[in-house]
Amino acid sequence: MSNIYCQECGFQNPEAANYCARCGALLVKDDGAESTQTFTAEEGDDSSADALEDLGVDGPALVVRSGGGRTGEMFHPEGETTIGRSPDCGIFLDDVTVSRKHAVVAERDGAFFVDDQGSLNGTFVNRKRVESSQLEDGDELQIGKYRLTFLNR
């Protein structure tokens, strides 16, 4: 059985559906060509922010707060770290909302920056779409459906 994904909320609907069962948006049928699902940043619950304080992180780290069932996973960026859907990336996020080479976290002059690599869905820092942004301790980085918190302690 085939499914169709809502372009508004990403919900998986039966192929025969015309409207999304979750949000009611009109479903666009696949014409057989390769497609990419879009994803937008949304307001969310920050209840997991308190849990980050208890991690005891030393040095720069990206901690997955939500997305893909990987909550709590931690990555330590070094030099230039690529984030994307490609298994060749330093931070591999396996989901269609993430571009193959989505973004790069790089250390420059003692500070860390995130640089979008022309991704379809964009890179968000503190819920604002950015092309490049310096990361500060506690900043929320959103890549596709994944939300990560940058810690630099």
C-alpha atoms as a PDB file:
ATOM      1  CA  MET A   1       0.000   0.000   0.000  1.00  0.00           C
ATOM      2  CA  SER A   2       1.329   3.389  -0.992  1.00  0.00           C
ATOM      3  CA  ASN A   3       1.117   6.568   1.057  1.00  0.00           C
ATOM      4  CA  ILE A   4       1.128  10.291   0.432  1.00  0.00           C
ATOM      5  CA  TYR A   5       2.766  12.757   2.800  1.00  0.00           C
ATOM      6  CA  CYS A   6       1.232  16.106   3.654  1.00  0.00           C
ATOM      7  CA  GLN A   7       3.377  19.014   2.428  1.00  0.00           C
ATOM      8  CA  GLU A   8       2.194  21.173   5.336  1.00  0.00           C
ATOM      9  CA  CYS A   9       2.739  18.936   8.368  1.00  0.00           C
ATOM     10  CA  GLY A  10       4.475  15.803   7.000  1.00  0.00           C
ATOM     11  CA  PHE A  11       1.719  13.416   8.159  1.00  0.00           C
ATOM     12  CA  GLN A  12       1.566  10.075   6.307  1.00  0.00           C
ATOM     13  CA  ASN A  13      -1.879   9.660   4.667  1.00  0.00           C
ATOM     14  CA  PRO A  14      -3.366   6.805   2.588  1.00  0.00           C
ATOM     15  CA  GLU A  15      -2.855   7.225  -1.158  1.00  0.00           C
ATOM     16  CA  ALA A  16      -6.610   7.632  -1.753  1.00  0.00           C
ATOM     17  CA  ALA A  17      -6.870  10.656   0.592  1.00  0.00           C
ATOM     18  CA  ASN A  18      -7.411  14.122  -0.869  1.00  0.00           C
ATOM     19  CA  TYR A  19      -6.948  16.037   2.397  1.00  0.00           C
ATOM     20  CA  CYS A  20      -4.541  15.521   5.302  1.00  0.00           C
ATOM     21  CA  ALA A  21      -6.101  13.686   8.248  1.00  0.00           C
ATOM     22  CA  ARG A  22      -3.962  15.716  10.699  1.00  0.00           C
ATOM     23  CA  CYS A  23      -4.104  19.316   9.459  1.00  0.00           C
ATOM     24  CA  GLY A  24      -6.741  19.284   6.679  1.00  0.00           C
ATOM     25  CA  ALA A  25      -4.414  20.630   3.968  1.00  0.00           C
ATOM     26  CA  LEU A  26      -5.034  19.664   0.351  1.00  0.00           C
ATOM     27  CA  LEU A  27      -2.740  16.754  -0.559  1.00  0.00           C
ATOM     28  CA  VAL A  28      -0.690  17.093  -3.727  1.00  0.00           C
ATOM     29  CA  LYS A  29      -0.489  13.796  -5.599  1.00  0.00           C
ATOM     30  CA  ASP A  30       2.921  12.551  -6.768  1.00  0.00           C
ATOM     31  CA  ASP A  31       3.319  12.634 -10.528  1.00  0.00           C
ATOM     32  CA  GLY A  32       6.016   9.948 -10.446  1.00  0.00           C
ATOM     33  CA  ALA A  33       8.968  12.353 -10.534  1.00  0.00           C
ATOM     34  CA  GLU A  34      11.444  12.572  -7.667  1.00  0.00           C
ATOM     35  CA  SER A  35      10.285  14.977  -4.989  1.00  0.00           C
ATOM     36  CA  THR A  36      11.435  16.392  -1.692  1.00  0.00           C
ATOM     37  CA  GLN A  37       9.227  17.002   1.314  1.00  0.00           C
ATOM     38  CA  THR A  38       9.216  20.549   2.644  1.00  0.00           C
ATOM     39  CA  PHE A  39       9.343  21.395   6.317  1.00  0.00           C
ATOM     40  CA  THR A  40       8.964  24.655   8.170  1.00  0.00           C
ATOM     41  CA  ALA A  41      10.035  25.700  11.638  1.00  0.00           C
ATOM     42  CA  GLU A  42       7.277  25.681  14.205  1.00  0.00           C
ATOM     43  CA  GLU A  43       6.810  26.939  17.721  1.00  0.00           C
ATOM     44  CA  GLY A  44       7.255  24.196  20.248  1.00  0.00           C
ATOM     45  CA  ASP A  45       7.454  23.150  23.835  1.00  0.00           C
ATOM     46  CA  ASP A  46      10.746  24.051  25.513  1.00  0.00           C
ATOM     47  CA  SER A  47      10.243  21.681  28.456  1.00  0.00           C
ATOM     48  CA  SER A  48      13.316  19.660  27.487  1.00  0.00           C
ATOM     49  CA  ALA A  49      15.582  22.725  27.892  1.00  0.00           C
ATOM     50  CA  ASP A  50      15.970  22.012  31.622  1.00  0.00           C
ATOM     51  CA  ALA A  51      17.242  18.512  30.868  1.00  0.00           C
ATOM     52  CA  LEU A  52      20.183  19.983  28.912  1.00  0.00           C
ATOM     53  CA  GLU A  53      21.582  21.492  32.096  1.00  0.00           C
ATOM     54  CA  ASP A  54      22.049  18.005  33.560  1.00  0.00           C
ATOM     55  CA  LEU A  55      24.178  16.636  30.692  1.00  0.00           C
ATOM     56  CA  GLY A  56      27.515  17.803  32.059  1.00  0.00           C
ATOM     57  CA  VAL A  57      28.798  18.801  28.605  1.00  0.00           C
ATOM     58  CA  ASP A  58      32.391  20.009  28.415  1.00  0.00           C
ATOM     59  CA  GLY A  59      33.331  21.834  25.223  1.00  0.00           C
ATOM     60  CA  PRO A  60      31.231  22.422  22.103  1.00  0.00           C
ATOM     61  CA  ALA A  61      28.408  19.960  21.432  1.00  0.00           C
ATOM     62  CA  LEU A  62      25.169  19.640  19.490  1.00  0.00           C
ATOM     63  CA  VAL A  63      22.472  17.724  21.392  1.00  0.00           C
ATOM     64  CA  VAL A  64      19.403  16.384  19.564  1.00  0.00           C
ATOM     65  CA  ARG A  65      16.297  17.640  21.398  1.00  0.00           C
ATOM     66  CA  SER A  66      13.704  16.202  19.013  1.00  0.00           C
ATOM     67  CA  GLY A  67      13.306  14.499  15.657  1.00  0.00           C
ATOM     68  CA  GLY A  68      13.805  11.046  14.230  1.00  0.00           C
ATOM     69  CA  GLY A  69      13.703   9.257  17.582  1.00  0.00           C
ATOM     70  CA  ARG A  70      17.255  10.398  18.343  1.00  0.00           C
ATOM     71  CA  THR A  71      16.542  12.643  21.342  1.00  0.00           C
ATOM     72  CA  GLY A  72      19.550  12.947  23.635  1.00  0.00           C
ATOM     73  CA  GLU A  73      22.136  11.982  21.003  1.00  0.00           C
ATOM     74  CA  MET A  74      25.207  14.231  21.221  1.00  0.00           C
ATOM     75  CA  PHE A  75      27.716  15.328  18.572  1.00  0.00           C
ATOM     76  CA  HIS A  76      30.997  17.167  19.139  1.00  0.00           C
ATOM     77  CA  PRO A  77      31.811  19.381  16.119  1.00  0.00           C
ATOM     78  CA  GLU A  78      35.501  19.694  15.308  1.00  0.00           C
ATOM     79  CA  GLY A  79      36.910  22.119  12.750  1.00  0.00           C
ATOM     80  CA  GLU A  80      34.340  21.814   9.953  1.00  0.00           C
ATOM     81  CA  THR A  81      31.495  19.342  10.501  1.00  0.00           C
ATOM     82  CA  THR A  82      28.980  18.673   7.723  1.00  0.00           C
ATOM     83  CA  ILE A  83      25.350  17.995   8.638  1.00  0.00           C
ATOM     84  CA  GLY A  84      23.083  16.207   6.182  1.00  0.00           C
ATOM     85  CA  ARG A  85      21.240  13.165   4.888  1.00  0.00           C
ATOM     86  CA  SER A  86      24.329  11.744   3.201  1.00  0.00           C
ATOM     87  CA  PRO A  87      26.063   8.980   5.191  1.00  0.00           C
ATOM     88  CA  ASP A  88      29.344  10.777   4.394  1.00  0.00           C
ATOM     89  CA  CYS A  89      28.363  13.700   6.676  1.00  0.00           C
ATOM     90  CA  GLY A  90      29.903  14.075  10.114  1.00  0.00           C
ATOM     91  CA  ILE A  91      26.386  14.432  11.541  1.00  0.00           C
ATOM     92  CA  PHE A  92      24.110  12.059   9.618  1.00  0.00           C
ATOM     93  CA  LEU A  93      20.395  12.920   9.898  1.00  0.00           C
ATOM     94  CA  ASP A  94      18.475  10.323   7.911  1.00  0.00           C
ATOM     95  CA  ASP A  95      15.217  12.005   6.922  1.00  0.00           C
ATOM     96  CA  VAL A  96      13.782  13.461   3.690  1.00  0.00           C
ATOM     97  CA  THR A  97      13.365  16.883   5.366  1.00  0.00           C
ATOM     98  CA  VAL A  98      17.190  17.124   5.501  1.00  0.00           C
ATOM     99  CA  SER A  99      19.220  17.838   2.349  1.00  0.00           C
ATOM    100  CA  ARG A 100      22.138  15.553   1.460  1.00  0.00           C
ATOM    101  CA  LYS A 101      24.640  18.270   2.397  1.00  0.00           C
ATOM    102  CA  HIS A 102      22.389  20.563   4.435  1.00  0.00           C
ATOM    103  CA  ALA A 103      24.710  22.699   6.580  1.00  0.00           C
ATOM    104  CA  VAL A 104      28.233  23.013   7.968  1.00  0.00           C
ATOM    105  CA  VAL A 105      29.196  23.852  11.538  1.00  0.00           C
ATOM    106  CA  ALA A 106      32.646  25.438  11.466  1.00  0.00           C
ATOM    107  CA  GLU A 107      34.988  26.931  14.035  1.00  0.00           C
ATOM    108  CA  ARG A 108      36.382  30.310  12.986  1.00  0.00           C
ATOM    109  CA  ASP A 109      38.440  32.611  15.202  1.00  0.00           C
ATOM    110  CA  GLY A 110      37.450  30.730  18.352  1.00  0.00           C
ATOM    111  CA  ALA A 111      33.705  30.922  17.644  1.00  0.00           C
ATOM    112  CA  PHE A 112      31.345  28.424  16.012  1.00  0.00           C
ATOM    113  CA  PHE A 113      29.221  29.241  12.968  1.00  0.00           C
ATOM    114  CA  VAL A 114      26.544  27.356  11.063  1.00  0.00           C
ATOM    115  CA  ASP A 115      26.450  27.864   7.290  1.00  0.00           C
ATOM    116  CA  ASP A 116      23.516  26.645   5.187  1.00  0.00           C
ATOM    117  CA  GLN A 117      24.674  24.818   2.057  1.00  0.00           C
ATOM    118  CA  GLY A 118      21.758  25.782  -0.219  1.00  0.00           C
ATOM    119  CA  SER A 119      19.310  23.394   1.437  1.00  0.00           C
ATOM    120  CA  LEU A 120      15.699  23.281   0.258  1.00  0.00           C
ATOM    121  CA  ASN A 121      14.118  23.545   3.723  1.00  0.00           C
ATOM    122  CA  GLY A 122      16.653  25.962   5.169  1.00  0.00           C
ATOM    123  CA  THR A 123      18.641  26.116   8.375  1.00  0.00           C
ATOM    124  CA  PHE A 124      17.125  27.835  11.402  1.00  0.00           C
ATOM    125  CA  VAL A 125      18.833  29.307  14.459  1.00  0.00           C
ATOM    126  CA  ASN A 126      16.433  30.205  17.265  1.00  0.00           C
ATOM    127  CA  ARG A 127      13.533  29.758  14.804  1.00  0.00           C
ATOM    128  CA  LYS A 128      14.907  32.287  12.294  1.00  0.00           C
ATOM    129  CA  ARG A 129      16.051  31.123   8.863  1.00  0.00           C
ATOM    130  CA  VAL A 130      19.725  31.884   8.319  1.00  0.00           C
ATOM    131  CA  GLU A 131      22.333  31.515   5.608  1.00  0.00           C
ATOM    132  CA  SER A 132      25.134  31.863   8.155  1.00  0.00           C
ATOM    133  CA  SER A 133      25.016  32.564  11.867  1.00  0.00           C
ATOM    134  CA  GLN A 134      27.337  32.514  14.848  1.00  0.00           C
ATOM    135  CA  LEU A 135      26.247  29.945  17.425  1.00  0.00           C
ATOM    136  CA  GLU A 136      26.063  30.905  21.089  1.00  0.00           C
ATOM    137  CA  ASP A 137      25.654  28.605  24.085  1.00  0.00           C
ATOM    138  CA  GLY A 138      22.021  27.438  24.255  1.00  0.00           C
ATOM    139  CA  ASP A 139      21.070  28.332  20.665  1.00  0.00           C
ATOM    140  CA  GLU A 140      18.503  26.062  19.009  1.00  0.00           C
ATOM    141  CA  LEU A 141      19.521  24.779  15.578  1.00  0.00           C
ATOM    142  CA  GLN A 142      16.753  23.310  13.400  1.00  0.00           C
ATOM    143  CA  ILE A 143      17.629  21.217  10.383  1.00  0.00           C
ATOM    144  CA  GLY A 144      14.615  19.602   8.742  1.00  0.00           C
ATOM    145  CA  LYS A 145      12.536  18.068  11.499  1.00  0.00           C
ATOM    146  CA  TYR A 146      15.513  17.807  13.858  1.00  0.00           C
ATOM    147  CA  ARG A 147      16.002  20.289  16.677  1.00  0.00           C
ATOM    148  CA  LEU A 148      19.467  20.453  18.184  1.00  0.00           C
ATOM    149  CA  THR A 149      20.814  22.633  20.948  1.00  0.00           C
ATOM    150  CA  PHE A 150      24.318  24.059  20.671  1.00  0.00           C
ATOM    151  CA  LEU A 151      26.245  23.899  23.942  1.00  0.00           C
ATOM    152  CA  ASN A 152      29.626  25.551  24.406  1.00  0.00           C
ATOM    153  CA  ARG A 153      30.659  25.231  28.044  1.00  0.00           C
END
